[in-house]
N, C-alpha and C. Protein backbone atom coordinates (compact mmCIF):
# COMPACT_ATOMS: atom_id res chain seq x y z
N MET A 1 49.20 -284.44 62.29
CA MET A 1 50.31 -284.05 63.12
C MET A 1 51.39 -282.85 62.75
N GLU A 2 51.88 -282.29 63.78
CA GLU A 2 52.89 -280.95 63.84
C GLU A 2 54.11 -281.62 64.15
N GLU A 3 54.90 -280.67 63.63
CA GLU A 3 56.25 -280.74 63.68
C GLU A 3 56.95 -279.46 63.58
N LEU A 4 57.58 -278.84 64.51
CA LEU A 4 58.83 -277.66 64.84
C LEU A 4 60.25 -278.31 64.07
N SER A 5 60.24 -277.72 62.75
CA SER A 5 61.65 -278.07 62.02
C SER A 5 62.17 -277.32 62.45
N PRO A 6 63.39 -277.31 63.63
CA PRO A 6 64.49 -276.77 63.30
C PRO A 6 65.64 -276.36 62.61
N TYR A 7 65.71 -275.34 62.11
CA TYR A 7 66.64 -274.77 61.05
C TYR A 7 68.35 -273.81 61.63
N ASN A 8 67.87 -273.69 63.10
CA ASN A 8 69.40 -273.59 63.86
C ASN A 8 70.66 -274.27 63.84
N LYS A 9 71.74 -274.39 63.83
CA LYS A 9 72.52 -275.07 64.15
C LYS A 9 72.46 -275.53 65.71
N ILE A 10 72.34 -274.93 66.39
CA ILE A 10 72.40 -274.70 67.81
C ILE A 10 71.61 -276.40 68.04
N ASN A 11 70.40 -276.37 68.10
CA ASN A 11 69.30 -277.47 68.03
C ASN A 11 69.20 -277.96 67.11
N LYS A 12 69.38 -279.21 67.01
CA LYS A 12 69.05 -280.54 65.89
C LYS A 12 67.35 -281.03 66.18
N GLU A 13 67.03 -281.31 67.54
CA GLU A 13 66.27 -281.83 68.00
C GLU A 13 64.81 -281.33 67.12
N LYS A 14 64.09 -282.45 66.72
CA LYS A 14 62.88 -281.97 65.98
C LYS A 14 61.34 -282.32 67.14
N PHE A 15 60.66 -281.09 67.38
CA PHE A 15 59.38 -281.87 68.56
C PHE A 15 58.56 -281.82 67.48
N THR A 16 57.76 -283.37 67.38
CA THR A 16 56.89 -284.21 66.68
C THR A 16 55.43 -284.06 68.03
N PHE A 17 54.05 -283.31 67.45
CA PHE A 17 53.29 -283.29 67.94
C PHE A 17 52.03 -284.22 67.89
N ASP A 18 51.65 -285.35 67.88
CA ASP A 18 50.53 -285.70 67.26
C ASP A 18 49.42 -285.43 67.45
N ILE A 19 49.18 -284.11 67.34
CA ILE A 19 47.85 -283.64 67.31
C ILE A 19 47.36 -283.09 66.12
N GLU A 20 46.02 -282.39 65.97
CA GLU A 20 45.49 -282.07 64.51
C GLU A 20 46.03 -280.40 64.66
N TYR A 21 46.67 -279.66 65.10
CA TYR A 21 47.23 -278.73 65.24
C TYR A 21 48.16 -277.85 66.45
N LEU A 22 48.50 -277.23 66.14
CA LEU A 22 49.17 -276.74 67.15
C LEU A 22 49.20 -275.27 67.21
N ASP A 23 49.05 -274.77 68.32
CA ASP A 23 49.46 -273.52 68.54
C ASP A 23 49.77 -272.63 69.61
N ILE A 24 51.36 -271.64 69.55
CA ILE A 24 51.90 -271.73 70.29
C ILE A 24 51.82 -270.25 71.13
N LEU A 25 51.34 -269.99 72.64
CA LEU A 25 51.04 -268.71 72.81
C LEU A 25 52.74 -268.71 73.91
N SER A 26 53.06 -267.80 73.71
CA SER A 26 54.80 -267.49 74.14
C SER A 26 54.37 -266.18 75.20
N PHE A 27 54.62 -266.18 76.73
CA PHE A 27 54.85 -265.46 77.56
C PHE A 27 56.05 -264.89 77.77
N ASN A 28 57.38 -265.30 76.85
CA ASN A 28 58.23 -264.79 76.38
C ASN A 28 58.55 -263.42 75.67
N TYR A 29 59.09 -262.21 75.73
CA TYR A 29 59.14 -261.37 74.77
C TYR A 29 59.79 -261.44 73.85
N THR A 30 60.55 -262.56 73.49
CA THR A 30 61.95 -262.60 72.30
C THR A 30 61.23 -263.38 71.31
N GLN A 31 61.71 -263.38 70.67
CA GLN A 31 61.24 -264.18 69.07
C GLN A 31 62.88 -265.43 69.11
N THR A 32 63.03 -265.79 70.65
CA THR A 32 64.01 -267.00 70.45
C THR A 32 63.57 -267.95 70.21
N LEU A 33 61.93 -268.49 69.92
CA LEU A 33 61.47 -269.86 69.37
C LEU A 33 61.59 -269.56 68.23
N ASN A 34 61.80 -268.44 67.56
CA ASN A 34 61.96 -268.58 66.17
C ASN A 34 63.36 -268.52 65.15
N ARG A 35 63.96 -268.14 66.39
CA ARG A 35 65.46 -268.69 66.27
C ARG A 35 65.98 -269.62 65.38
N PHE A 36 65.33 -270.60 66.71
CA PHE A 36 65.92 -272.13 66.18
C PHE A 36 64.84 -272.88 65.77
N TYR A 37 63.13 -272.23 65.13
CA TYR A 37 62.82 -273.04 64.52
C TYR A 37 62.54 -272.38 63.44
N THR A 38 61.06 -272.96 62.27
CA THR A 38 60.90 -272.49 61.23
C THR A 38 60.66 -270.89 61.58
N PRO A 39 60.88 -270.05 60.98
CA PRO A 39 60.57 -268.58 60.89
C PRO A 39 59.13 -268.29 61.04
N ASP A 40 58.50 -268.90 60.12
CA ASP A 40 57.04 -268.41 59.99
C ASP A 40 55.94 -269.37 60.83
N THR A 41 56.71 -270.07 61.54
CA THR A 41 55.69 -270.84 62.91
C THR A 41 55.13 -269.42 63.23
N LYS A 42 53.37 -269.31 63.49
CA LYS A 42 53.36 -268.34 64.03
C LYS A 42 52.93 -268.36 65.63
N ILE A 43 53.32 -267.49 66.30
CA ILE A 43 53.15 -267.48 67.74
C ILE A 43 52.59 -265.73 68.20
N GLU A 44 51.18 -266.05 69.32
CA GLU A 44 51.48 -265.28 69.64
C GLU A 44 51.79 -264.79 71.19
N PHE A 45 52.19 -263.64 70.67
CA PHE A 45 52.88 -262.82 72.46
C PHE A 45 51.87 -262.39 73.40
N ILE A 46 51.65 -263.34 74.48
CA ILE A 46 50.48 -262.91 75.06
C ILE A 46 51.36 -261.31 76.20
N HIS A 47 52.59 -261.50 76.12
CA HIS A 47 53.02 -259.80 76.94
C HIS A 47 53.43 -259.27 75.88
N GLY A 48 53.32 -259.27 75.07
CA GLY A 48 54.01 -258.06 74.00
C GLY A 48 55.00 -259.05 73.20
N ARG A 49 55.64 -258.16 72.85
CA ARG A 49 57.37 -258.35 72.29
C ARG A 49 58.56 -257.64 72.29
N VAL A 50 59.86 -257.65 72.42
CA VAL A 50 60.79 -256.92 71.68
C VAL A 50 60.61 -256.03 70.82
N GLY A 51 61.02 -254.78 70.71
CA GLY A 51 60.42 -253.65 69.96
C GLY A 51 59.08 -252.80 70.00
N LYS A 52 57.77 -253.87 70.65
CA LYS A 52 56.40 -253.67 70.55
C LYS A 52 56.19 -253.42 71.69
N SER A 53 55.00 -253.05 72.40
CA SER A 53 54.77 -253.12 73.92
C SER A 53 54.65 -253.99 74.40
N LEU A 54 55.27 -253.75 76.05
CA LEU A 54 55.75 -255.28 76.91
C LEU A 54 54.53 -254.73 78.06
N VAL A 55 54.05 -256.05 78.20
CA VAL A 55 53.38 -255.87 79.53
C VAL A 55 54.11 -256.47 80.68
N LEU A 56 54.32 -255.88 81.91
CA LEU A 56 54.98 -256.03 83.33
C LEU A 56 53.78 -255.85 84.34
N GLY A 57 54.40 -256.59 85.51
CA GLY A 57 53.62 -256.35 86.91
C GLY A 57 52.91 -257.25 87.13
N ILE A 58 52.23 -257.30 87.78
CA ILE A 58 51.28 -258.18 88.77
C ILE A 58 49.40 -258.45 88.42
N SER A 59 49.36 -259.75 88.52
CA SER A 59 48.11 -259.92 88.10
C SER A 59 47.13 -258.95 88.53
N ASP A 60 46.45 -258.69 89.95
CA ASP A 60 45.60 -257.92 90.59
C ASP A 60 46.14 -256.98 91.41
N LEU A 61 45.42 -256.38 92.36
CA LEU A 61 45.45 -255.35 93.06
C LEU A 61 44.48 -255.97 94.02
N LYS A 62 45.71 -256.97 95.08
CA LYS A 62 45.13 -257.28 95.92
C LYS A 62 44.99 -256.58 97.54
N ASN A 63 46.37 -256.06 97.65
CA ASN A 63 46.20 -254.86 98.67
C ASN A 63 45.05 -253.74 99.05
N GLU A 64 44.64 -253.74 100.25
CA GLU A 64 43.63 -252.56 100.14
C GLU A 64 44.58 -251.54 99.96
N PHE A 65 45.64 -251.33 100.66
CA PHE A 65 46.21 -250.06 100.38
C PHE A 65 46.57 -249.89 99.42
N LEU A 66 46.87 -250.44 98.06
CA LEU A 66 47.33 -250.20 96.93
C LEU A 66 45.55 -249.79 96.29
N LYS A 67 44.82 -250.39 96.48
CA LYS A 67 43.22 -249.93 95.76
C LYS A 67 43.11 -248.83 96.14
N LYS A 68 43.18 -248.87 97.29
CA LYS A 68 43.04 -247.11 97.71
C LYS A 68 43.47 -245.67 96.99
N PHE A 69 44.82 -246.40 96.56
CA PHE A 69 45.12 -245.18 95.66
C PHE A 69 45.30 -245.58 94.42
N LYS A 70 44.20 -246.57 93.73
CA LYS A 70 44.11 -247.19 92.20
C LYS A 70 45.21 -246.94 91.31
N ASN A 71 46.06 -247.76 91.98
CA ASN A 71 47.12 -247.97 91.27
C ASN A 71 47.02 -249.51 90.31
N TYR A 72 46.42 -249.01 89.66
CA TYR A 72 46.48 -250.02 88.70
C TYR A 72 46.93 -250.14 87.61
N SER A 73 48.05 -249.46 87.86
CA SER A 73 49.21 -249.01 86.54
C SER A 73 50.20 -250.37 86.61
N PHE A 74 50.15 -250.71 87.91
CA PHE A 74 50.93 -252.21 87.95
C PHE A 74 50.49 -253.22 87.45
N THR A 75 49.15 -252.91 87.21
CA THR A 75 48.65 -254.85 86.78
C THR A 75 48.72 -255.17 85.43
N LYS A 76 48.84 -256.24 85.04
CA LYS A 76 49.39 -256.73 83.56
C LYS A 76 47.89 -256.36 83.13
N TYR A 77 46.85 -256.75 83.38
CA TYR A 77 45.81 -256.25 82.49
C TYR A 77 45.16 -255.13 82.23
N HIS A 78 45.67 -254.23 82.97
CA HIS A 78 45.60 -252.39 82.78
C HIS A 78 46.58 -251.79 81.63
N GLN A 79 47.56 -252.32 81.43
CA GLN A 79 48.89 -252.43 80.77
C GLN A 79 48.75 -252.98 79.56
N LYS A 80 47.94 -253.95 79.49
CA LYS A 80 47.10 -254.87 78.26
C LYS A 80 46.31 -253.71 77.29
N LEU A 81 45.33 -253.42 78.23
CA LEU A 81 44.09 -252.70 78.23
C LEU A 81 44.83 -251.01 77.25
N LEU A 82 45.87 -250.92 78.30
CA LEU A 82 45.96 -248.96 77.56
C LEU A 82 47.12 -249.51 76.21
N ASN A 83 47.73 -250.16 76.15
CA ASN A 83 48.94 -250.74 75.45
C ASN A 83 48.05 -250.95 73.87
N ASN A 84 47.01 -252.12 74.00
CA ASN A 84 46.53 -252.43 72.87
C ASN A 84 47.29 -253.49 72.76
N THR A 85 47.76 -254.49 73.79
CA THR A 85 48.38 -255.42 73.33
C THR A 85 47.70 -256.66 73.22
N ASP A 86 47.94 -257.60 72.00
CA ASP A 86 46.95 -258.94 71.81
C ASP A 86 46.78 -259.57 73.46
N TYR A 87 45.54 -259.56 73.83
CA TYR A 87 45.86 -260.21 75.19
C TYR A 87 44.73 -260.93 75.15
N LEU A 88 44.73 -261.94 73.80
CA LEU A 88 43.55 -263.09 74.28
C LEU A 88 44.27 -263.89 74.51
N PHE A 89 43.41 -265.21 74.90
CA PHE A 89 44.42 -266.50 75.40
C PHE A 89 43.31 -267.35 74.95
N LEU A 90 43.27 -268.38 75.77
CA LEU A 90 42.60 -269.82 75.50
C LEU A 90 41.35 -269.74 74.80
N ARG A 91 40.43 -268.98 75.68
CA ARG A 91 38.67 -268.81 75.53
C ARG A 91 38.94 -268.08 74.17
N GLU A 92 39.25 -267.42 73.47
CA GLU A 92 39.14 -266.58 72.65
C GLU A 92 39.72 -267.18 71.26
N ASN A 93 40.34 -268.34 71.33
CA ASN A 93 40.74 -269.35 70.44
C ASN A 93 39.41 -269.87 70.08
N LYS A 94 39.32 -269.73 68.05
CA LYS A 94 37.93 -269.95 67.95
C LYS A 94 38.00 -271.81 67.67
N LYS A 95 39.37 -271.92 67.20
CA LYS A 95 39.57 -273.33 66.88
C LYS A 95 39.38 -274.40 68.09
N LEU A 96 40.33 -273.98 68.81
CA LEU A 96 40.22 -274.43 70.30
C LEU A 96 38.68 -274.29 71.13
N MET A 97 37.63 -273.30 70.90
CA MET A 97 36.26 -273.46 71.60
C MET A 97 35.52 -274.38 70.91
N SER A 98 35.69 -274.82 69.42
CA SER A 98 35.08 -275.10 68.67
C SER A 98 34.83 -276.52 68.99
N LEU A 99 36.13 -276.91 69.59
CA LEU A 99 36.50 -278.39 69.76
C LEU A 99 35.61 -278.77 71.04
N ILE A 100 36.20 -277.69 71.85
CA ILE A 100 35.04 -277.56 73.32
C ILE A 100 33.81 -277.99 72.91
N ASP A 101 33.15 -276.95 72.37
CA ASP A 101 31.51 -276.79 72.50
C ASP A 101 31.47 -277.30 71.07
N SER A 102 31.99 -278.53 70.55
CA SER A 102 31.76 -279.63 70.04
C SER A 102 30.50 -280.75 70.49
N ASN A 103 29.77 -281.08 69.62
CA ASN A 103 28.91 -281.94 70.10
C ASN A 103 29.00 -283.60 69.51
N SER A 104 29.98 -283.60 68.73
CA SER A 104 30.18 -284.79 68.52
C SER A 104 30.58 -285.97 69.63
N ILE A 105 30.32 -286.98 69.37
CA ILE A 105 30.49 -288.66 70.47
C ILE A 105 31.24 -288.55 70.58
N GLY A 106 32.73 -288.47 69.74
CA GLY A 106 33.65 -288.87 70.34
C GLY A 106 34.44 -287.85 71.00
N GLN A 107 35.35 -288.53 71.68
CA GLN A 107 36.58 -288.00 72.74
C GLN A 107 37.38 -287.18 72.03
N GLN A 108 37.16 -285.24 72.85
CA GLN A 108 38.09 -284.52 72.05
C GLN A 108 39.04 -284.40 73.54
N ASN A 109 40.49 -284.41 72.63
CA ASN A 109 41.54 -284.14 73.66
C ASN A 109 42.65 -282.89 73.16
N ILE A 110 42.70 -282.28 74.40
CA ILE A 110 43.84 -280.77 73.98
C ILE A 110 44.67 -281.21 75.03
N ASN A 111 45.34 -280.89 74.44
CA ASN A 111 47.12 -280.88 74.84
C ASN A 111 47.28 -279.74 75.26
N ILE A 112 47.84 -279.70 76.36
CA ILE A 112 48.32 -277.93 76.59
C ILE A 112 50.24 -278.00 76.88
N TYR A 113 50.86 -277.81 76.49
CA TYR A 113 52.36 -278.13 76.71
C TYR A 113 53.04 -276.99 77.92
N ILE A 114 53.24 -276.71 78.76
CA ILE A 114 53.71 -275.57 79.31
C ILE A 114 55.01 -275.54 79.57
N TRP A 115 56.33 -274.87 79.21
CA TRP A 115 57.42 -274.91 79.22
C TRP A 115 58.30 -273.27 79.42
N GLY A 116 59.04 -273.67 80.43
CA GLY A 116 60.32 -272.38 80.59
C GLY A 116 58.99 -271.45 81.15
N HIS A 117 57.58 -271.44 82.23
CA HIS A 117 56.73 -270.25 82.60
C HIS A 117 56.84 -271.01 84.38
N SER A 118 56.67 -270.19 85.10
CA SER A 118 57.37 -269.97 86.30
C SER A 118 55.39 -270.63 86.96
N LEU A 119 54.48 -270.39 86.22
CA LEU A 119 53.33 -270.87 86.81
C LEU A 119 53.22 -269.82 88.43
N ALA A 120 53.66 -268.46 88.02
CA ALA A 120 53.54 -267.74 89.36
C ALA A 120 52.11 -267.24 89.16
N GLU A 121 51.85 -266.56 90.71
CA GLU A 121 50.75 -265.49 90.94
C GLU A 121 50.72 -264.58 89.86
N SER A 122 51.49 -263.88 89.34
CA SER A 122 51.05 -262.91 88.23
C SER A 122 50.80 -263.17 87.38
N ASP A 123 50.58 -264.20 87.01
CA ASP A 123 49.43 -265.01 85.98
C ASP A 123 48.59 -265.90 86.03
N GLU A 124 48.09 -265.49 87.08
CA GLU A 124 47.27 -266.71 87.75
C GLU A 124 46.10 -266.68 87.09
N SER A 125 45.38 -265.46 85.92
CA SER A 125 44.40 -265.35 85.42
C SER A 125 44.31 -266.50 84.05
N TYR A 126 45.41 -266.89 83.73
CA TYR A 126 45.72 -267.61 82.64
C TYR A 126 45.94 -269.54 83.28
N ILE A 127 46.59 -269.18 83.80
CA ILE A 127 46.44 -270.19 84.69
C ILE A 127 44.99 -271.31 84.94
N ASN A 128 44.26 -270.01 86.04
CA ASN A 128 43.02 -270.17 85.79
C ASN A 128 42.19 -270.97 84.54
N GLU A 129 41.99 -270.42 83.78
CA GLU A 129 41.68 -270.59 82.75
C GLU A 129 42.38 -271.98 82.14
N ILE A 130 43.36 -272.85 81.87
CA ILE A 130 43.61 -273.71 81.35
C ILE A 130 43.45 -274.65 82.38
N PHE A 131 43.04 -274.70 83.67
CA PHE A 131 41.94 -275.31 84.72
C PHE A 131 41.04 -275.21 84.64
N SER A 132 40.20 -274.43 83.58
CA SER A 132 38.95 -274.41 83.73
C SER A 132 38.31 -275.55 82.95
N PHE A 133 38.95 -275.78 81.93
CA PHE A 133 38.23 -277.09 80.82
C PHE A 133 38.02 -278.32 81.43
N ASN A 134 37.65 -279.59 80.87
CA ASN A 134 37.56 -280.97 81.74
C ASN A 134 36.33 -280.94 82.25
N GLN A 135 35.36 -279.83 82.04
CA GLN A 135 34.04 -279.89 82.82
C GLN A 135 33.09 -280.40 81.83
N LYS A 136 33.21 -280.86 80.72
CA LYS A 136 32.61 -281.84 79.61
C LYS A 136 32.90 -283.19 79.80
N PRO A 137 32.02 -284.23 79.49
CA PRO A 137 32.59 -285.80 79.67
C PRO A 137 32.95 -285.88 78.58
N ASN A 138 32.65 -285.41 77.36
CA ASN A 138 33.61 -285.37 75.80
C ASN A 138 35.14 -284.20 75.31
N VAL A 139 35.53 -283.84 76.51
CA VAL A 139 36.59 -283.13 76.44
C VAL A 139 37.22 -283.51 77.32
N GLN A 140 38.72 -284.09 76.75
CA GLN A 140 39.63 -284.11 77.60
C GLN A 140 40.81 -283.03 77.65
N CYS A 141 41.22 -281.97 79.20
CA CYS A 141 42.32 -281.48 78.24
C CYS A 141 43.58 -282.37 79.60
N LEU A 142 44.47 -282.49 78.30
CA LEU A 142 45.86 -282.96 79.12
C LEU A 142 47.27 -281.70 79.18
N VAL A 143 47.79 -281.55 80.45
CA VAL A 143 48.43 -280.29 81.12
C VAL A 143 49.50 -280.96 81.40
N THR A 144 50.63 -280.90 80.58
CA THR A 144 52.70 -281.63 80.78
C THR A 144 52.92 -279.53 81.34
N VAL A 145 53.88 -279.99 82.29
CA VAL A 145 54.73 -279.04 82.92
C VAL A 145 55.98 -279.57 82.56
N TYR A 146 56.37 -278.58 81.82
CA TYR A 146 57.92 -278.99 82.14
C TYR A 146 59.18 -278.10 83.32
N PHE A 147 59.72 -278.89 83.66
CA PHE A 147 60.63 -278.62 84.80
C PHE A 147 62.03 -278.97 84.79
N HIS A 148 62.86 -277.91 84.99
CA HIS A 148 64.04 -277.58 84.63
C HIS A 148 65.05 -278.31 86.28
N ARG A 149 65.74 -279.14 85.88
CA ARG A 149 65.87 -279.84 87.29
C ARG A 149 65.33 -280.15 88.13
N ASN A 150 65.68 -279.40 88.93
CA ASN A 150 64.57 -279.57 90.37
C ASN A 150 63.11 -278.92 91.06
N ASP A 151 62.91 -278.16 89.84
CA ASP A 151 62.30 -276.93 89.95
C ASP A 151 60.69 -277.84 90.25
N ALA A 152 60.53 -279.08 89.96
CA ALA A 152 59.12 -279.36 90.07
C ALA A 152 58.14 -279.01 91.04
N PRO A 153 58.83 -279.15 92.43
CA PRO A 153 57.91 -278.93 93.64
C PRO A 153 57.86 -276.94 93.68
N ARG A 154 58.89 -276.30 93.22
CA ARG A 154 58.31 -274.98 93.69
C ARG A 154 57.20 -274.81 92.45
N LEU A 155 57.37 -275.39 91.22
CA LEU A 155 56.28 -275.40 90.34
C LEU A 155 54.79 -275.47 90.38
N LEU A 156 54.80 -276.84 91.38
CA LEU A 156 53.62 -277.51 92.11
C LEU A 156 52.94 -276.24 93.39
N ASN A 157 53.97 -276.22 93.40
CA ASN A 157 53.48 -275.04 95.29
C ASN A 157 52.84 -274.34 94.39
N ASN A 158 53.37 -273.13 93.11
CA ASN A 158 52.33 -271.89 92.59
C ASN A 158 51.35 -272.25 92.01
N LEU A 159 50.99 -273.87 91.46
CA LEU A 159 49.68 -274.26 91.65
C LEU A 159 48.76 -274.32 92.36
N LEU A 160 49.29 -274.78 93.25
CA LEU A 160 48.76 -275.27 94.31
C LEU A 160 48.08 -273.96 95.43
N ASP A 161 48.98 -272.59 95.55
CA ASP A 161 48.86 -271.81 95.70
C ASP A 161 47.88 -270.88 94.68
N ILE A 162 47.68 -271.16 93.62
CA ILE A 162 46.47 -270.31 93.02
C ILE A 162 45.05 -271.39 92.54
N LEU A 163 45.52 -272.69 92.39
CA LEU A 163 44.28 -273.68 92.04
C LEU A 163 43.89 -274.15 93.33
N LYS A 164 44.48 -273.84 94.41
CA LYS A 164 44.46 -275.07 95.78
C LYS A 164 44.18 -276.48 95.26
N LYS A 165 44.40 -277.11 96.88
CA LYS A 165 44.68 -278.64 96.68
C LYS A 165 43.90 -279.32 96.21
N ASP A 166 42.43 -279.02 96.01
CA ASP A 166 41.47 -279.98 95.64
C ASP A 166 41.61 -280.33 93.96
N LYS A 167 41.66 -278.99 93.24
CA LYS A 167 41.41 -279.32 92.19
C LYS A 167 43.08 -279.49 91.67
N VAL A 168 43.77 -279.24 91.99
CA VAL A 168 45.36 -279.51 91.48
C VAL A 168 45.27 -281.41 91.89
N GLU A 169 44.53 -281.77 93.07
CA GLU A 169 44.81 -283.05 93.75
C GLU A 169 43.99 -284.07 92.58
N LEU A 170 42.69 -283.66 92.34
CA LEU A 170 42.15 -284.16 91.35
C LEU A 170 42.56 -284.41 90.04
N TRP A 171 43.28 -283.30 89.99
CA TRP A 171 43.75 -283.53 88.14
C TRP A 171 44.81 -284.19 88.00
N MET A 172 45.25 -284.25 89.11
CA MET A 172 46.56 -285.33 88.72
C MET A 172 46.39 -286.73 89.28
N LYS A 173 45.05 -287.18 89.97
CA LYS A 173 44.97 -288.07 90.04
C LYS A 173 43.90 -288.53 88.82
N LYS A 174 42.90 -287.93 87.95
CA LYS A 174 42.80 -288.35 87.00
C LYS A 174 43.80 -288.17 85.76
N GLY A 175 45.08 -287.76 85.84
CA GLY A 175 46.52 -287.95 84.72
C GLY A 175 45.98 -286.91 84.08
N TRP A 176 45.48 -286.04 84.64
CA TRP A 176 45.32 -284.77 83.46
C TRP A 176 46.49 -283.66 83.34
N LEU A 177 47.11 -284.38 84.48
CA LEU A 177 48.17 -282.76 84.86
C LEU A 177 49.75 -283.19 85.37
N LYS A 178 51.04 -283.37 84.40
CA LYS A 178 51.85 -284.05 84.66
C LYS A 178 52.75 -283.33 84.63
N PHE A 179 54.25 -283.52 85.81
CA PHE A 179 54.92 -282.78 85.17
C PHE A 179 56.03 -283.73 84.54
N GLU A 180 57.03 -283.17 83.79
CA GLU A 180 58.21 -283.71 83.13
C GLU A 180 59.24 -283.59 82.78
N GLN A 181 60.85 -283.53 83.17
CA GLN A 181 61.93 -282.88 82.99
C GLN A 181 61.88 -282.54 82.26
N ASN A 182 63.09 -281.69 81.77
CA ASN A 182 62.68 -280.49 80.52
C ASN A 182 64.03 -281.73 79.26
N PRO A 183 63.73 -281.82 78.57
CA PRO A 183 65.12 -283.22 77.68
C PRO A 183 66.17 -281.80 77.64
N ASP A 184 67.54 -282.71 77.90
CA ASP A 184 68.56 -282.06 77.79
C ASP A 184 68.88 -282.34 76.79
N ILE A 185 69.59 -280.92 75.76
CA ILE A 185 69.38 -280.32 74.92
C ILE A 185 70.62 -280.47 74.17
N ALA A 186 71.87 -279.96 75.54
CA ALA A 186 72.91 -280.07 75.08
C ALA A 186 73.17 -281.44 74.83
N LYS A 187 72.79 -282.45 75.60
CA LYS A 187 73.03 -283.92 75.13
C LYS A 187 72.99 -284.15 74.51
N LEU A 188 71.30 -283.98 73.54
CA LEU A 188 71.02 -284.46 72.42
C LEU A 188 71.70 -283.77 71.08
N ASN A 189 72.40 -282.95 71.38
CA ASN A 189 73.03 -282.27 70.28
C ASN A 189 74.06 -282.63 70.60
N ASN A 190 74.80 -283.32 71.07
CA ASN A 190 76.26 -284.04 71.88
C ASN A 190 77.13 -281.97 71.96
N ILE A 191 76.55 -281.09 72.50
CA ILE A 191 77.11 -279.96 73.09
C ILE A 191 77.21 -279.78 73.83
N GLU A 192 78.62 -279.45 74.91
CA GLU A 192 79.41 -279.36 76.15
C GLU A 192 78.21 -277.84 76.64
N PRO A 193 77.50 -277.95 77.61
CA PRO A 193 77.34 -276.71 77.80
C PRO A 193 77.66 -275.73 78.39
N VAL A 194 78.85 -275.31 78.31
CA VAL A 194 79.51 -274.31 78.36
C VAL A 194 79.69 -273.75 76.88
N GLU A 195 79.36 -274.41 75.90
CA GLU A 195 79.37 -273.92 74.67
C GLU A 195 78.03 -273.48 74.05
N LEU A 196 76.72 -273.22 74.76
CA LEU A 196 76.14 -272.88 74.07
C LEU A 196 75.54 -271.64 73.87
N SER A 197 76.08 -270.69 74.97
CA SER A 197 76.52 -269.74 75.01
C SER A 197 76.96 -268.67 73.55
N LYS A 198 78.19 -269.65 73.53
CA LYS A 198 79.01 -268.89 72.41
C LYS A 198 78.04 -269.59 71.07
N LEU A 199 77.85 -270.42 71.07
CA LEU A 199 76.50 -270.86 69.45
C LEU A 199 75.72 -270.06 70.06
N ALA A 200 75.40 -269.14 70.79
CA ALA A 200 74.13 -268.66 70.69
C ALA A 200 74.45 -266.94 69.97
N GLU A 201 75.56 -266.66 69.79
CA GLU A 201 76.20 -265.50 69.38
C GLU A 201 76.71 -265.77 68.26
N ALA A 202 76.47 -266.67 67.97
CA ALA A 202 77.13 -267.18 66.37
C ALA A 202 76.13 -266.73 65.19
């Protein structure tokens, strides 16, 4: 059982995950999560973080005109390699891969929670990696995408663009992919929405 324990007065809600271990991979450049939860929670910053190297740009050069001029500096992978950013993701995670490669008879469940990510093409290599599991009968990867307000259709469109219809349809039919509304943090904490920005500055 893993739990993120809040210490900041803005958010008193606890998030409990009924899993053996919890890894947090952040595409955010800031320490926001550490500001609201235990400061010692380990977070891997996929695209760097404020105060260090930042990775910005597109996933790959697909335009022949840009390829002609070798404008690779616009790509995220070029910046990661050049700046020696920690660009490891799921398949470099030893704990996760040992779970996947395990020959144990029992079912191995992998729960991936996506919160606050656009699922846009600029991160398609990561999205493809997330949805590359579920190839073995004893491994079941379950992906939950949290969305804000009415944003589910846009996120689904982005996944369809990257993964194509057949894969998205299969994952949803099997119950491996689901969309859930973000919890209302203001309501959970009896805070008027207009107060959040003021409290964040405190």
